[in-house]
Amino acid sequence: MRSPTAWVYVDLDHRPRLVGRLFVTSHHGQETATFVYDDHWIQATDHFALQPALTVASSALRGR
């Protein structure tokens, strides 16, 4: 897998926590973005989705 375009963190109780990685791909002048939650975030008991369309799940499960 290629390097992430951006690492996404949230600030909870004044402590940054890694939520996931955002990948941007450009192909024939079109850009697409893919977000992948970090495994530690998925396993955290206090995790939450950044938005309803970004269900908290591992990338292996999302393809099903």
N, C-alpha and C. Protein backbone atom coordinates (compact mmCIF):
# COMPACT_ATOMS: atom_id res chain seq x y z
N MET A 1 0.85 -1.18 0.00
CA MET A 1 0.00 0.00 0.00
C MET A 1 0.89 1.24 0.00
N ARG A 2 0.43 2.25 -0.69
CA ARG A 2 1.21 3.49 -0.78
C ARG A 2 1.13 4.28 0.53
N SER A 3 1.97 5.28 0.63
CA SER A 3 2.00 6.11 1.83
C SER A 3 0.74 6.95 1.93
N PRO A 4 0.25 7.18 3.15
CA PRO A 4 -0.95 7.99 3.30
C PRO A 4 -0.69 9.45 2.94
N THR A 5 -1.73 10.10 2.45
CA THR A 5 -1.66 11.51 2.15
C THR A 5 -1.76 12.31 3.45
N ALA A 6 -2.58 11.82 4.39
CA ALA A 6 -2.75 12.51 5.67
C ALA A 6 -3.05 11.50 6.77
N TRP A 7 -2.49 11.74 7.93
CA TRP A 7 -2.80 10.98 9.14
C TRP A 7 -3.89 11.78 9.84
N VAL A 8 -4.97 11.12 10.26
CA VAL A 8 -6.10 11.80 10.87
C VAL A 8 -6.14 11.50 12.36
N TYR A 9 -6.14 12.58 13.16
CA TYR A 9 -6.17 12.47 14.62
C TYR A 9 -7.40 13.18 15.16
N VAL A 10 -7.85 12.78 16.35
CA VAL A 10 -8.85 13.54 17.10
C VAL A 10 -8.22 13.91 18.43
N ASP A 11 -8.65 15.02 18.99
CA ASP A 11 -8.16 15.47 20.29
C ASP A 11 -9.21 15.13 21.34
N LEU A 12 -8.92 14.13 22.14
CA LEU A 12 -9.83 13.72 23.21
C LEU A 12 -9.14 13.96 24.54
N ASP A 13 -9.74 14.79 25.37
CA ASP A 13 -9.17 15.12 26.68
C ASP A 13 -7.76 15.68 26.54
N HIS A 14 -7.57 16.54 25.54
CA HIS A 14 -6.28 17.21 25.29
C HIS A 14 -5.18 16.22 24.96
N ARG A 15 -5.57 15.10 24.36
CA ARG A 15 -4.60 14.08 23.97
C ARG A 15 -4.91 13.65 22.54
N PRO A 16 -3.98 13.84 21.60
CA PRO A 16 -4.26 13.42 20.22
C PRO A 16 -4.27 11.90 20.10
N ARG A 17 -5.26 11.40 19.37
CA ARG A 17 -5.35 9.96 19.14
C ARG A 17 -5.51 9.72 17.64
N LEU A 18 -4.70 8.82 17.13
CA LEU A 18 -4.76 8.48 15.71
C LEU A 18 -6.06 7.75 15.41
N VAL A 19 -6.80 8.25 14.44
CA VAL A 19 -8.06 7.63 14.03
C VAL A 19 -7.86 6.82 12.76
N GLY A 20 -7.06 7.34 11.83
CA GLY A 20 -6.86 6.60 10.59
C GLY A 20 -6.01 7.36 9.60
N ARG A 21 -6.07 6.91 8.35
CA ARG A 21 -5.26 7.49 7.29
C ARG A 21 -6.15 7.82 6.09
N LEU A 22 -5.85 8.93 5.47
CA LEU A 22 -6.56 9.35 4.27
C LEU A 22 -5.62 9.23 3.09
N PHE A 23 -6.07 8.50 2.07
CA PHE A 23 -5.28 8.31 0.86
C PHE A 23 -5.97 9.04 -0.29
N VAL A 24 -5.23 9.77 -1.09
CA VAL A 24 -5.76 10.44 -2.27
C VAL A 24 -5.05 9.88 -3.49
N THR A 25 -5.83 9.47 -4.47
CA THR A 25 -5.29 8.90 -5.70
C THR A 25 -5.74 9.77 -6.87
N SER A 26 -4.83 10.05 -7.76
CA SER A 26 -5.15 10.81 -8.96
C SER A 26 -4.94 9.91 -10.17
N HIS A 27 -5.95 9.84 -11.02
CA HIS A 27 -5.88 8.98 -12.21
C HIS A 27 -6.62 9.67 -13.34
N HIS A 28 -5.90 10.01 -14.40
CA HIS A 28 -6.48 10.68 -15.57
C HIS A 28 -7.18 11.98 -15.17
N GLY A 29 -6.59 12.73 -14.27
CA GLY A 29 -7.14 14.01 -13.87
C GLY A 29 -8.26 13.95 -12.85
N GLN A 30 -8.65 12.76 -12.44
CA GLN A 30 -9.69 12.59 -11.43
C GLN A 30 -9.06 12.17 -10.11
N GLU A 31 -9.50 12.78 -9.02
CA GLU A 31 -8.99 12.41 -7.70
C GLU A 31 -10.07 11.67 -6.92
N THR A 32 -9.62 10.64 -6.22
CA THR A 32 -10.51 9.92 -5.31
C THR A 32 -9.83 9.86 -3.95
N ALA A 33 -10.63 9.80 -2.91
CA ALA A 33 -10.09 9.72 -1.55
C ALA A 33 -10.63 8.46 -0.88
N THR A 34 -9.76 7.82 -0.13
CA THR A 34 -10.11 6.63 0.63
C THR A 34 -9.65 6.83 2.06
N PHE A 35 -10.53 6.53 3.01
CA PHE A 35 -10.16 6.65 4.42
C PHE A 35 -10.12 5.26 5.03
N VAL A 36 -9.06 4.98 5.81
CA VAL A 36 -8.90 3.68 6.47
C VAL A 36 -8.70 3.95 7.96
N TYR A 37 -9.60 3.39 8.78
CA TYR A 37 -9.46 3.52 10.23
C TYR A 37 -8.24 2.73 10.71
N ASP A 38 -7.56 3.26 11.71
CA ASP A 38 -6.43 2.59 12.34
C ASP A 38 -6.95 1.42 13.20
N ASP A 39 -6.25 0.31 13.21
CA ASP A 39 -6.67 -0.87 13.99
C ASP A 39 -6.83 -0.55 15.47
N HIS A 40 -5.95 0.28 16.03
CA HIS A 40 -6.07 0.62 17.45
C HIS A 40 -7.35 1.42 17.72
N TRP A 41 -7.72 2.28 16.78
CA TRP A 41 -8.96 3.05 16.93
C TRP A 41 -10.17 2.11 16.87
N ILE A 42 -10.15 1.16 15.95
CA ILE A 42 -11.25 0.21 15.81
C ILE A 42 -11.44 -0.59 17.10
N GLN A 43 -10.33 -0.97 17.72
CA GLN A 43 -10.39 -1.81 18.93
C GLN A 43 -10.68 -1.02 20.20
N ALA A 44 -10.57 0.31 20.15
CA ALA A 44 -10.80 1.14 21.34
C ALA A 44 -12.28 1.09 21.72
N THR A 45 -12.55 0.99 23.01
CA THR A 45 -13.93 0.92 23.48
C THR A 45 -14.68 2.23 23.29
N ASP A 46 -13.96 3.33 23.16
CA ASP A 46 -14.61 4.64 23.00
C ASP A 46 -14.55 5.16 21.57
N HIS A 47 -14.32 4.27 20.59
CA HIS A 47 -14.24 4.73 19.20
C HIS A 47 -15.59 5.23 18.73
N PHE A 48 -15.56 6.04 17.68
CA PHE A 48 -16.79 6.51 17.05
C PHE A 48 -16.48 6.79 15.58
N ALA A 49 -17.51 6.80 14.76
CA ALA A 49 -17.36 7.09 13.34
C ALA A 49 -17.17 8.59 13.15
N LEU A 50 -16.29 8.98 12.26
CA LEU A 50 -16.09 10.39 11.98
C LEU A 50 -17.31 10.99 11.28
N GLN A 51 -18.02 10.18 10.54
CA GLN A 51 -19.30 10.55 9.94
C GLN A 51 -20.04 9.26 9.63
N PRO A 52 -21.36 9.29 9.50
CA PRO A 52 -22.12 8.05 9.30
C PRO A 52 -21.65 7.19 8.12
N ALA A 53 -21.18 7.82 7.06
CA ALA A 53 -20.75 7.04 5.89
C ALA A 53 -19.42 6.33 6.12
N LEU A 54 -18.69 6.72 7.16
CA LEU A 54 -17.38 6.10 7.46
C LEU A 54 -17.53 5.13 8.63
N THR A 55 -18.24 4.04 8.41
CA THR A 55 -18.47 3.04 9.44
C THR A 55 -17.14 2.55 10.01
N VAL A 56 -17.08 2.43 11.34
CA VAL A 56 -15.86 1.98 12.00
C VAL A 56 -15.73 0.47 11.78
N ALA A 57 -14.80 0.09 10.90
CA ALA A 57 -14.55 -1.31 10.59
C ALA A 57 -13.17 -1.41 9.98
N SER A 58 -12.58 -2.59 10.04
CA SER A 58 -11.28 -2.77 9.42
C SER A 58 -11.43 -2.75 7.91
N SER A 59 -10.38 -2.41 7.21
CA SER A 59 -10.43 -2.34 5.75
C SER A 59 -10.75 -3.71 5.15
N ALA A 60 -10.39 -4.79 5.84
CA ALA A 60 -10.66 -6.14 5.34
C ALA A 60 -12.18 -6.41 5.33
N LEU A 61 -12.90 -5.84 6.28
CA LEU A 61 -14.34 -6.07 6.37
C LEU A 61 -15.13 -5.18 5.42
N ARG A 62 -14.62 -4.01 5.10
CA ARG A 62 -15.37 -3.06 4.29
C ARG A 62 -15.58 -3.53 2.86
N GLY A 63 -14.73 -4.39 2.36
CA GLY A 63 -14.86 -4.85 0.99
C GLY A 63 -15.97 -5.85 0.77
N ARG A 64 -16.58 -6.32 1.84
CA ARG A 64 -17.63 -7.36 1.73
C ARG A 64 -18.97 -6.76 1.42
